[in-house]
C-alpha atoms as a PDB file:
ATOM      1  CA  MET A   1     -63.349  54.745 130.166  1.00  0.00           C
ATOM      2  CA  GLU A   2     -65.668  57.006 132.134  1.00  0.00           C
ATOM      3  CA  SER A   3     -65.148  55.051 135.341  1.00  0.00           C
ATOM      4  CA  LEU A   4     -61.439  55.775 134.970  1.00  0.00           C
ATOM      5  CA  LEU A   5     -62.237  59.463 134.564  1.00  0.00           C
ATOM      6  CA  ILE A   6     -64.348  59.455 137.718  1.00  0.00           C
ATOM      7  CA  TRP A   7     -61.603  57.712 139.697  1.00  0.00           C
ATOM      8  CA  GLY A   8     -59.104  60.229 138.341  1.00  0.00           C
ATOM      9  CA  VAL A   9     -61.294  63.066 139.556  1.00  0.00           C
ATOM     10  CA  VAL A  10     -61.810  61.406 142.939  1.00  0.00           C
ATOM     11  CA  PHE A  11     -58.042  61.017 143.259  1.00  0.00           C
ATOM     12  CA  VAL A  12     -57.549  64.795 143.125  1.00  0.00           C
ATOM     13  CA  LEU A  13     -60.602  65.602 145.248  1.00  0.00           C
ATOM     14  CA  ALA A  14     -59.848  68.040 148.033  1.00  0.00           C
ATOM     15  CA  THR A  15     -59.879  66.454 151.483  1.00  0.00           C
ATOM     16  CA  THR A  16     -60.518  69.548 153.601  1.00  0.00           C
ATOM     17  CA  GLU A  17     -63.409  71.979 153.740  1.00  0.00           C
ATOM     18  CA  PRO A  18     -64.542  74.200 152.147  1.00  0.00           C
ATOM     19  CA  TYR A  19     -62.859  72.815 149.040  1.00  0.00           C
ATOM     20  CA  LYS A  20     -64.049  69.246 149.589  1.00  0.00           C
ATOM     21  CA  LEU A  21     -67.703  70.299 149.419  1.00  0.00           C
ATOM     22  CA  LEU A  22     -67.012  72.497 146.403  1.00  0.00           C
ATOM     23  CA  ASP A  23     -65.250  69.644 144.595  1.00  0.00           C
ATOM     24  CA  LEU A  24     -68.076  67.206 145.351  1.00  0.00           C
ATOM     25  CA  LEU A  25     -70.718  69.645 144.124  1.00  0.00           C
ATOM     26  CA  LEU A  26     -68.815  70.431 140.934  1.00  0.00           C
ATOM     27  CA  ILE A  27     -68.240  66.731 140.244  1.00  0.00           C
ATOM     28  CA  GLY A  28     -71.976  66.180 140.698  1.00  0.00           C
ATOM     29  CA  ALA A  29     -72.648  69.014 138.245  1.00  0.00           C
ATOM     30  CA  LEU A  30     -70.270  67.463 135.705  1.00  0.00           C
ATOM     31  CA  ILE A  31     -71.978  64.084 135.990  1.00  0.00           C
ATOM     32  CA  GLU A  32     -75.382  65.699 135.416  1.00  0.00           C
ATOM     33  CA  ALA A  33     -74.035  67.702 132.468  1.00  0.00           C
ATOM     34  CA  ARG A  34     -72.661  64.531 130.898  1.00  0.00           C
ATOM     35  CA  SER A  35     -76.078  62.910 131.261  1.00  0.00           C
ATOM     36  CA  CYS A  36     -77.582  65.924 129.479  1.00  0.00           C
ATOM     37  CA  GLU A  37     -75.171  65.441 126.591  1.00  0.00           C
ATOM     38  CA  ARG A  38     -76.085  61.786 126.274  1.00  0.00           C
ATOM     39  CA  PHE A  39     -79.843  62.331 126.412  1.00  0.00           C
ATOM     40  CA  ALA A  40     -79.623  65.212 123.917  1.00  0.00           C
ATOM     41  CA  LYS A  41     -77.843  62.963 121.432  1.00  0.00           C
ATOM     42  CA  ILE A  42     -80.061  59.919 121.827  1.00  0.00           C
ATOM     43  CA  ALA A  43     -83.544  61.494 122.202  1.00  0.00           C
ATOM     44  CA  PRO A  44     -83.898  62.665 118.569  1.00  0.00           C
ATOM     45  CA  ARG A  45     -82.941  59.209 117.288  1.00  0.00           C
ATOM     46  CA  LEU A  46     -85.614  57.336 119.215  1.00  0.00           C
ATOM     47  CA  PRO A  47     -89.261  56.647 118.385  1.00  0.00           C
ATOM     48  CA  ASP A  48     -91.496  59.580 119.346  1.00  0.00           C
ATOM     49  CA  LYS A  49     -92.825  58.327 122.676  1.00  0.00           C
ATOM     50  CA  LEU A  50     -89.436  57.129 123.897  1.00  0.00           C
ATOM     51  CA  GLY A  51     -87.777  60.271 122.533  1.00  0.00           C
ATOM     52  CA  ARG A  52     -90.156  62.431 124.577  1.00  0.00           C
ATOM     53  CA  PHE A  53     -89.351  60.337 127.645  1.00  0.00           C
ATOM     54  CA  TYR A  54     -85.625  60.901 127.128  1.00  0.00           C
ATOM     55  CA  GLY A  55     -86.328  64.594 126.520  1.00  0.00           C
ATOM     56  CA  GLY A  56     -87.945  64.683 129.948  1.00  0.00           C
ATOM     57  CA  LEU A  57     -84.894  63.018 131.440  1.00  0.00           C
ATOM     58  CA  LEU A  58     -82.741  65.640 129.741  1.00  0.00           C
ATOM     59  CA  ALA A  59     -84.779  68.443 131.318  1.00  0.00           C
ATOM     60  CA  SER A  60     -84.520  66.790 134.720  1.00  0.00           C
ATOM     61  CA  GLU A  61     -80.749  66.325 134.471  1.00  0.00           C
ATOM     62  CA  ALA A  62     -80.348  69.951 133.329  1.00  0.00           C
ATOM     63  CA  LEU A  63     -82.217  71.093 136.436  1.00  0.00           C
ATOM     64  CA  HIS A  64     -80.005  68.914 138.631  1.00  0.00           C
ATOM     65  CA  PHE A  65     -76.922  70.461 137.009  1.00  0.00           C
ATOM     66  CA  GLU A  66     -78.229  73.958 137.724  1.00  0.00           C
ATOM     67  CA  GLN A  67     -79.003  73.013 141.331  1.00  0.00           C
ATOM     68  CA  TYR A  68     -75.499  71.667 141.932  1.00  0.00           C
ATOM     69  CA  VAL A  69     -73.949  74.848 140.537  1.00  0.00           C
ATOM     70  CA  ALA A  70     -76.315  77.108 142.495  1.00  0.00           C
ATOM     71  CA  PHE A  71     -75.581  75.217 145.708  1.00  0.00           C
ATOM     72  CA  ALA A  72     -71.830  75.448 145.084  1.00  0.00           C
ATOM     73  CA  LYS A  73     -72.188  79.208 144.586  1.00  0.00           C
ATOM     74  CA  SER A  74     -74.282  79.755 147.688  1.00  0.00           C
ATOM     75  CA  GLU A  75     -72.554  77.368 150.110  1.00  0.00           C
ATOM     76  CA  CYS A  76     -68.932  77.651 148.981  1.00  0.00           C
ATOM     77  CA  GLY A  77     -68.702  81.361 148.252  1.00  0.00           C
ATOM     78  CA  VAL A  78     -68.214  80.825 144.548  1.00  0.00           C
ATOM     79  CA  GLY A  79     -69.327  83.743 142.411  1.00  0.00           C
ATOM     80  CA  GLU A  80     -69.450  84.504 138.737  1.00  0.00           C
ATOM     81  CA  ALA A  81     -66.010  84.631 137.124  1.00  0.00           C
END
């Protein structure tokens, strides 16, 4: 199902700059955010050591999400709405 979603998003991806870069960065942010959702749901259900590992992955993915958004803002002229 998710691969269909990704292909649907790619289908409507802008093909010219600066919108192409913005679209790619926002898609990257969405992928990272989805990973955060998954890790947040699974980490509490795992044994302690593995749960902490997944918690670390969650923190890493959250940072990646923030970096994608920050880069989109700085490089594509996107500000706060």
